[in-house]
Amino acid sequence: LKVIDRAIQVFGGAGVSDDVPLALMYAHMRTLRLADGPDEVHKMTIARQELRRRDPQWGRR
């Protein structure tokens, strides 16, 4: 997402026009991030899995 955002900045007004595919790429990446879920949710899921791996009873007391 950062790379596409930077490319849009470099292209200026053309970056958000239909002349280059950057605006469409940006829209697709934003949609994908929303569909995949917030990063915070993924971090919490990984943290829970790691804590349970160390202590199988974690979170169940």
C-alpha atoms as a PDB file:
ATOM      1  CA  LEU A   1       0.000   0.000   0.000  1.00  0.00           C
ATOM      2  CA  LYS A   2       2.860   2.373   0.804  1.00  0.00           C
ATOM      3  CA  VAL A   3       4.505   1.711  -2.550  1.00  0.00           C
ATOM      4  CA  ILE A   4       1.306   2.430  -4.466  1.00  0.00           C
ATOM      5  CA  ASP A   5       0.700   5.566  -2.397  1.00  0.00           C
ATOM      6  CA  ARG A   6       4.221   6.778  -3.153  1.00  0.00           C
ATOM      7  CA  ALA A   7       3.783   6.051  -6.869  1.00  0.00           C
ATOM      8  CA  ILE A   8       0.577   8.097  -6.882  1.00  0.00           C
ATOM      9  CA  GLN A   9       2.510  10.974  -5.293  1.00  0.00           C
ATOM     10  CA  VAL A  10       5.232  10.703  -7.935  1.00  0.00           C
ATOM     11  CA  PHE A  11       2.717  10.661 -10.792  1.00  0.00           C
ATOM     12  CA  GLY A  12       0.834  13.637  -9.344  1.00  0.00           C
ATOM     13  CA  GLY A  13      -2.623  14.209 -10.839  1.00  0.00           C
ATOM     14  CA  ALA A  14      -2.080  11.428 -13.363  1.00  0.00           C
ATOM     15  CA  GLY A  15      -1.738   8.991 -10.459  1.00  0.00           C
ATOM     16  CA  VAL A  16      -5.445   9.270  -9.707  1.00  0.00           C
ATOM     17  CA  SER A  17      -6.623   9.362 -13.308  1.00  0.00           C
ATOM     18  CA  ASP A  18      -7.623   6.502 -15.569  1.00  0.00           C
ATOM     19  CA  ASP A  19      -4.431   6.997 -17.599  1.00  0.00           C
ATOM     20  CA  VAL A  20      -2.382   4.826 -15.235  1.00  0.00           C
ATOM     21  CA  PRO A  21      -3.594   1.837 -13.188  1.00  0.00           C
ATOM     22  CA  LEU A  22      -2.446   3.241  -9.829  1.00  0.00           C
ATOM     23  CA  ALA A  23      -5.839   4.452  -8.590  1.00  0.00           C
ATOM     24  CA  LEU A  24      -7.385   1.067  -9.339  1.00  0.00           C
ATOM     25  CA  MET A  25      -4.476  -0.736  -7.666  1.00  0.00           C
ATOM     26  CA  TYR A  26      -4.863   1.460  -4.586  1.00  0.00           C
ATOM     27  CA  ALA A  27      -8.598   0.753  -4.395  1.00  0.00           C
ATOM     28  CA  HIS A  28      -8.006  -2.999  -4.690  1.00  0.00           C
ATOM     29  CA  MET A  29      -5.348  -2.975  -1.981  1.00  0.00           C
ATOM     30  CA  ARG A  30      -7.585  -1.004   0.406  1.00  0.00           C
ATOM     31  CA  THR A  31     -10.453  -3.417  -0.208  1.00  0.00           C
ATOM     32  CA  LEU A  32      -8.182  -6.409   0.355  1.00  0.00           C
ATOM     33  CA  ARG A  33      -6.965  -4.998   3.669  1.00  0.00           C
ATOM     34  CA  LEU A  34     -10.531  -4.438   4.834  1.00  0.00           C
ATOM     35  CA  ALA A  35     -11.659  -7.893   3.731  1.00  0.00           C
ATOM     36  CA  ASP A  36      -8.694  -9.543   5.423  1.00  0.00           C
ATOM     37  CA  GLY A  37      -9.408  -7.828   8.738  1.00  0.00           C
ATOM     38  CA  PRO A  38      -7.557  -5.211  10.723  1.00  0.00           C
ATOM     39  CA  ASP A  39      -3.890  -5.799  11.533  1.00  0.00           C
ATOM     40  CA  GLU A  40      -4.706  -5.545  15.246  1.00  0.00           C
ATOM     41  CA  VAL A  41      -6.979  -8.589  14.997  1.00  0.00           C
ATOM     42  CA  HIS A  42      -4.191 -10.611  13.396  1.00  0.00           C
ATOM     43  CA  LYS A  43      -1.719  -9.515  16.072  1.00  0.00           C
ATOM     44  CA  MET A  44      -4.096 -10.515  18.866  1.00  0.00           C
ATOM     45  CA  THR A  45      -4.755 -13.904  17.251  1.00  0.00           C
ATOM     46  CA  ILE A  46      -1.043 -14.620  16.919  1.00  0.00           C
ATOM     47  CA  ALA A  47      -0.415 -13.482  20.509  1.00  0.00           C
ATOM     48  CA  ARG A  48      -3.164 -15.786  21.813  1.00  0.00           C
ATOM     49  CA  GLN A  49      -1.797 -18.735  19.857  1.00  0.00           C
ATOM     50  CA  GLU A  50       1.728 -18.164  21.146  1.00  0.00           C
ATOM     51  CA  LEU A  51       0.581 -17.772  24.763  1.00  0.00           C
ATOM     52  CA  ARG A  52      -1.462 -20.964  24.544  1.00  0.00           C
ATOM     53  CA  ARG A  53       1.478 -22.767  23.015  1.00  0.00           C
ATOM     54  CA  ARG A  54       3.527 -21.931  26.132  1.00  0.00           C
ATOM     55  CA  ASP A  55       0.640 -22.504  28.571  1.00  0.00           C
ATOM     56  CA  PRO A  56      -2.293 -24.559  27.184  1.00  0.00           C
ATOM     57  CA  GLN A  57      -4.536 -23.318  30.020  1.00  0.00           C
ATOM     58  CA  TRP A  58      -3.885 -19.633  29.270  1.00  0.00           C
ATOM     59  CA  GLY A  59      -7.107 -17.683  28.915  1.00  0.00           C
ATOM     60  CA  ARG A  60      -9.273 -20.526  30.171  1.00  0.00           C
ATOM     61  CA  ARG A  61      -8.997 -19.880  33.907  1.00  0.00           C
END
